[in-house]
Protein backbone atom coordinates (compact mmCIF):
# COMPACT_ATOMS: atom_id res chain seq x y z
CA MET A 1 121.86 224.20 5.74
CA ILE A 2 120.45 221.55 8.07
CA ASP A 3 119.87 218.31 6.22
CA ILE A 4 118.25 215.71 8.47
CA THR A 5 119.20 212.14 7.54
CA GLU A 6 117.40 208.88 8.20
CA GLY A 7 120.10 208.18 10.79
CA ASP A 8 119.30 211.48 12.53
CA ILE A 9 115.62 210.58 12.62
CA ALA A 10 116.41 207.16 14.08
CA CYS A 11 118.64 208.72 16.75
CA PHE A 12 115.93 211.25 17.63
CA HIS A 13 113.34 208.51 18.11
CA GLU A 14 115.74 206.33 20.11
CA GLN A 15 117.30 208.96 22.40
CA GLY A 16 114.76 211.79 22.30
CA PHE A 17 117.35 214.17 20.81
CA VAL A 18 119.91 214.40 18.03
CA VAL A 19 123.03 216.58 17.66
CA ILE A 20 123.59 218.45 14.38
CA GLU A 21 126.95 220.20 13.91
CA ASN A 22 127.88 223.31 11.91
CA VAL A 23 124.46 224.97 11.95
CA LEU A 24 125.91 228.51 12.32
CA ASP A 25 129.04 229.86 10.63
CA ALA A 26 131.71 231.96 12.34
CA GLN A 27 130.34 235.29 11.10
CA THR A 28 126.82 234.54 12.31
CA LEU A 29 128.17 233.37 15.67
CA GLU A 30 130.10 236.59 16.19
CA LEU A 31 127.10 238.73 15.26
CA ALA A 32 124.73 236.74 17.48
CA ARG A 33 127.04 237.00 20.50
CA SER A 34 127.26 240.77 20.01
CA ARG A 35 123.49 241.13 20.38
CA PHE A 36 123.23 239.63 23.88
CA ALA A 37 124.40 242.59 25.97
CA PRO A 38 122.19 245.15 24.15
CA LEU A 39 119.15 242.88 24.37
CA PHE A 40 119.42 242.38 28.12
CA ARG A 41 119.97 246.14 28.55
CA GLY A 42 116.63 246.67 26.83
CA GLU A 43 117.99 247.96 23.53
CA PHE A 44 115.51 246.40 21.12
CA GLU A 45 116.29 246.86 17.44
CA THR A 46 112.67 246.71 16.25
CA GLY A 47 111.29 248.78 19.14
CA LEU A 48 109.21 245.85 20.46
CA ILE A 49 109.69 244.49 23.98
CA PRO A 50 109.98 240.66 23.97
CA ASP A 51 107.04 238.62 25.23
CA GLU A 52 109.08 237.52 28.27
CA TRP A 53 112.13 239.35 29.63
CA ASN A 54 113.27 237.37 32.66
CA TRP A 55 116.55 239.11 33.47
CA ARG A 56 117.25 242.85 33.30
CA GLU A 57 120.57 244.57 33.75
CA GLY A 58 120.60 246.61 36.95
CA ARG A 59 117.56 244.87 38.38
CA ASP A 60 118.36 241.19 38.72
CA SER A 61 121.16 239.21 40.35
CA PRO A 62 124.19 238.54 38.12
CA LEU A 63 124.07 234.96 39.44
CA LEU A 64 120.80 234.21 37.64
CA THR A 65 120.62 232.69 34.18
CA ARG A 66 119.42 235.38 31.76
CA GLN A 67 116.50 234.61 29.45
CA ILE A 68 114.40 236.41 26.87
CA CYS A 69 111.46 234.76 25.10
CA ASN A 70 110.56 235.75 21.55
CA GLY A 71 113.64 237.78 20.90
CA TRP A 72 112.82 237.36 17.21
CA LYS A 73 110.21 240.08 17.55
CA SER A 74 112.80 242.47 19.01
CA ASP A 75 116.03 241.64 17.18
CA LEU A 76 116.62 240.76 13.53
CA THR A 77 119.79 238.75 14.22
CA VAL A 78 117.86 236.44 16.53
CA ALA A 79 115.03 236.34 13.98
CA ALA A 80 117.38 235.30 11.16
CA ILE A 81 118.42 232.26 13.22
CA VAL A 82 115.17 230.99 14.71
CA LEU A 83 112.96 231.65 11.66
CA ARG A 84 115.09 229.59 9.27
CA ALA A 85 113.19 227.35 6.87
CA ASP A 86 115.62 224.47 7.39
CA ILE A 87 114.94 224.48 11.16
CA GLY A 88 111.23 224.17 10.42
CA ARG A 89 111.81 221.44 7.86
CA ALA A 90 113.99 219.47 10.27
CA ALA A 91 111.46 219.77 13.11
CA ALA A 92 108.64 218.63 10.83
CA ARG A 93 110.58 215.62 9.58
CA LEU A 94 111.55 214.59 13.11
CA ARG A 95 107.95 214.62 14.39
CA GLY A 96 106.19 213.62 11.17
CA TRP A 97 104.33 216.92 10.79
CA PRO A 98 103.24 218.39 7.42
CA GLY A 99 105.13 221.54 8.36
CA ALA A 100 106.31 223.60 11.31
CA ARG A 101 105.73 227.05 12.74
CA ILE A 102 107.54 228.90 15.50
CA ASN A 103 105.95 228.54 18.92
CA GLN A 104 108.46 230.81 20.68
CA ASP A 105 112.19 231.33 20.99
CA ASN A 106 114.62 231.70 23.89
CA VAL A 107 117.75 233.80 24.15
CA ILE A 108 119.70 232.28 27.06
CA TRP A 109 122.87 233.64 28.65
CA LYS A 110 124.53 231.75 31.50
CA PRO A 111 127.65 233.69 32.62
CA PRO A 112 130.22 232.13 34.97
CA GLY A 113 128.61 231.50 38.35
CA ALA A 114 125.04 231.63 37.01
CA ALA A 115 122.49 229.34 38.62
CA ALA A 116 120.79 226.26 37.21
CA LEU A 117 117.58 225.91 35.23
CA GLY A 118 115.34 223.11 36.48
CA PHE A 119 115.01 219.91 34.49
CA HIS A 120 111.65 219.81 32.72
CA GLN A 121 109.69 218.73 29.64
CA ASP A 122 108.79 221.48 27.16
CA GLU A 123 105.37 220.01 26.44
CA SER A 124 104.40 220.43 30.10
CA TYR A 125 103.88 224.11 29.25
CA GLU A 126 101.99 223.64 25.97
CA ASP A 127 98.45 222.56 26.96
CA TRP A 128 97.14 225.71 25.26
CA VAL A 129 98.14 224.26 21.86
CA VAL A 130 96.41 221.47 19.89
CA PRO A 131 98.22 219.21 19.15
CA SER A 132 100.32 219.79 22.27
CA GLU A 133 103.55 218.73 20.56
CA MET A 134 106.91 220.43 20.19
CA VAL A 135 110.36 220.01 18.73
CA THR A 136 113.05 222.30 20.10
CA CYS A 137 116.20 223.35 18.28
CA TRP A 138 118.85 224.45 20.82
CA ILE A 139 121.84 226.20 19.22
CA THR A 140 124.95 227.00 21.22
CA LEU A 141 126.97 230.14 20.52
CA ASP A 142 129.89 228.92 22.66
CA ASP A 143 131.90 225.71 22.92
CA THR A 144 130.21 223.77 25.71
CA ARG A 145 131.61 221.81 28.63
CA ALA A 146 129.83 219.75 31.27
CA ASN A 147 130.95 222.10 34.06
CA GLN A 148 129.81 225.25 32.25
CA GLY A 149 126.06 224.79 32.54
CA THR A 150 125.54 223.13 29.18
CA ILE A 151 122.19 221.61 28.33
CA GLU A 152 121.72 218.04 29.60
CA TYR A 153 119.27 215.43 28.38
CA VAL A 154 117.71 212.35 29.97
CA VAL A 155 118.16 209.66 27.34
CA GLY A 156 114.89 208.05 26.25
CA SER A 157 112.70 210.20 28.50
CA HIS A 158 110.55 211.31 25.55
CA ARG A 159 108.74 208.00 26.05
CA TRP A 160 107.74 208.93 29.62
CA ARG A 161 104.38 210.36 30.55
CA LYS A 162 103.94 214.12 30.37
CA ALA A 163 104.53 215.67 33.78
CA PRO A 164 103.04 218.92 35.12
CA PRO A 165 105.15 222.11 35.06
CA ILE A 166 108.04 221.90 37.52
CA ALA A 167 107.97 223.59 40.91
CA GLN A 168 110.74 226.12 40.17
CA PHE A 169 112.23 226.79 36.75
CA HIS A 170 114.79 229.53 37.51
CA ALA A 171 117.57 228.92 40.08
CA PRO A 172 116.05 225.93 41.90
CA ALA A 173 117.93 224.64 44.93
CA ASP A 174 117.83 221.18 43.35
CA PRO A 175 117.45 221.31 39.53
CA LEU A 176 116.87 217.53 39.41
CA ALA A 177 114.05 217.38 41.97
CA ASP A 178 111.12 217.08 39.56
CA LEU A 179 113.10 214.80 37.27
CA ARG A 180 113.73 212.36 40.11
CA ARG A 181 110.02 212.18 40.92
CA ALA A 182 109.16 211.57 37.26
CA ALA A 183 111.83 208.87 36.92
CA GLU A 184 110.58 207.14 40.06
CA ALA A 185 107.04 207.16 38.67
CA GLU A 186 108.38 205.54 35.48
CA GLY A 187 110.37 203.00 37.50
CA VAL A 188 113.69 203.90 35.89
CA GLY A 189 117.02 205.42 36.85
CA PRO A 190 117.57 208.48 34.62
CA GLU A 191 120.56 208.42 32.27
CA ILE A 192 121.68 212.06 32.03
CA MET A 193 123.88 213.15 29.14
CA PRO A 194 125.56 216.61 29.14
CA ILE A 195 126.04 218.03 25.64
CA GLU A 196 129.65 218.95 24.87
CA VAL A 197 129.83 220.41 21.36
CA SER A 198 131.48 223.21 19.40
CA ALA A 199 129.94 226.66 19.00
CA GLY A 200 127.45 226.70 16.14
CA SER A 201 126.18 223.18 16.86
CA ALA A 202 122.51 222.41 17.45
CA VAL A 203 120.50 219.79 19.27
CA PHE A 204 116.94 218.98 18.26
CA HIS A 205 114.93 217.46 21.08
CA HIS A 206 111.46 215.98 21.47
CA GLY A 207 108.96 218.02 23.46
CA ARG A 208 108.73 215.35 26.17
CA THR A 209 112.47 214.83 26.58
CA TRP A 210 113.53 215.83 30.08
CA HIS A 211 116.34 218.39 29.99
CA GLY A 212 117.83 221.28 31.96
CA SER A 213 121.15 222.83 32.88
CA ARG A 214 123.15 223.10 36.07
CA SER A 215 125.11 226.09 37.34
CA ASN A 216 128.03 227.38 35.31
CA SER A 217 131.12 226.60 37.38
CA GLY A 218 133.51 227.33 34.53
CA ALA A 219 135.27 230.53 33.47
CA ALA A 220 133.44 231.12 30.19
CA PRO A 221 129.83 232.09 29.43
CA ARG A 222 127.33 229.70 27.89
CA ARG A 223 125.04 231.45 25.40
CA SER A 224 122.38 229.85 23.26
CA ILE A 225 119.50 230.67 20.95
CA VAL A 226 116.56 228.29 20.96
CA ALA A 227 113.70 227.77 18.48
CA HIS A 228 110.64 225.95 19.83
CA CYS A 229 108.59 224.60 16.94
CA MET A 230 105.07 223.19 16.68
CA SER A 231 103.09 221.69 13.83
CA SER A 232 102.04 224.00 11.00
CA GLU A 233 98.52 222.72 11.73
CA ALA A 234 98.61 223.69 15.42
CA MET A 235 95.67 225.65 16.77
CA PHE A 236 94.69 227.22 20.07
CA HIS A 237 93.00 224.95 22.61
CA PRO A 238 89.30 225.83 22.83
CA ASP A 239 89.29 225.97 26.64
CA ILE A 240 92.84 226.21 28.01
CA VAL A 241 94.28 229.72 27.92
CA GLY A 242 98.02 230.26 27.61
CA PRO A 243 98.77 233.00 30.18
CA VAL A 244 101.32 234.71 27.91
CA TYR A 245 100.73 233.59 24.34
CA GLY A 246 96.96 233.34 24.65
CA ARG A 247 96.92 237.09 24.05
CA TYR A 248 97.51 236.36 20.35
CA ARG A 249 94.29 234.38 19.89
CA ARG A 250 91.85 236.27 17.68
CA HIS A 251 88.21 236.48 18.76
CA GLY A 252 85.97 233.86 17.20
CA THR A 253 88.64 231.50 15.87
CA LEU A 254 91.14 228.92 17.11
CA GLU A 255 93.46 229.51 14.17
CA MET A 256 96.95 230.87 14.87
CA ASP A 257 97.80 234.18 13.28
CA GLU A 258 100.98 233.99 11.22
CA SER A 259 101.87 237.50 12.39
CA PHE A 260 102.75 235.92 15.74
CA PHE A 261 103.31 232.25 14.90
CA PRO A 262 104.76 232.27 11.38
CA ILE A 263 105.08 229.06 9.38
CA LEU A 264 108.76 228.29 8.81
CA TRP A 265 108.32 225.47 6.32
CA ARG A 266 105.55 223.31 4.92
CA GLU A 267 105.84 220.27 2.68
CA ASP A 268 103.77 221.92 -0.07
CA GLY A 269 106.42 224.67 -0.34
CA TYR A 270 104.57 227.31 1.66
CA ARG A 271 106.39 229.64 4.06
CA THR A 272 104.83 232.70 5.71
CA THR A 273 104.99 235.33 2.98
CA TRP A 274 106.29 238.31 4.98
CA LEU A 275 109.24 236.54 6.58
CA GLU A 276 111.86 237.37 3.96
CA ARG A 277 110.91 241.06 3.94
CA TYR A 278 111.08 241.17 7.72
CA LEU A 279 114.46 239.44 7.86
CA ALA A 280 115.84 241.82 5.23
CA GLY A 281 115.17 244.68 7.63
């Protein structure tokens, strides 16, 4: 179980991220790794296609980083990881929210030779949410090394202004291009820290922390499962439409339906009631 300490909270507010070890055990790691190939072949356990399916076997270049968004709707192993109550509790404590719900997840597979993902801020893509705040829990399924396309953070960049979405997210020629412009506007030289941790470790990062990953020049894959969390009180923006997730807004209300954005944890003890049944299969 993830148990966020006062020291973790202080680190998060100072750096914009905090590393938490031993979030997944060996059995869960093995099972999660086994689900990647079927998912990207389009073998979806629940029968539902994910909200975003950015790389498909037989269609896309093997040199691209592979990504699925909201794999929890398609695969119960992914769901059992990203819908954990302790992830929601940790996210809420780190941002001072009364609770947390899932915004979306990512299933990311970067095989040897796979291209970079551009450095960005998560909250640049969240104007359709009020409040437009996020905490992301990135969990690695493999031991990470700096040369294997691990996630990298810009220390302290959560205190920078929110930038617009970056020019190119997948396989940019220069993954640091937008970061450099943002750093120049802030009048600072970015301090970039690659995360080198054991499989099963997690990093929680602030929604404005600049981060990305370079190409995998190593011999091993880099796989991760990511839970993006928002406040349990988050609602849809009355005017800004999310081009993908705006489809889940019900007519006549700004409230978020727990069928699509379940509450993981709330300080009054509430958790979306159907989650345990769903996770039990």
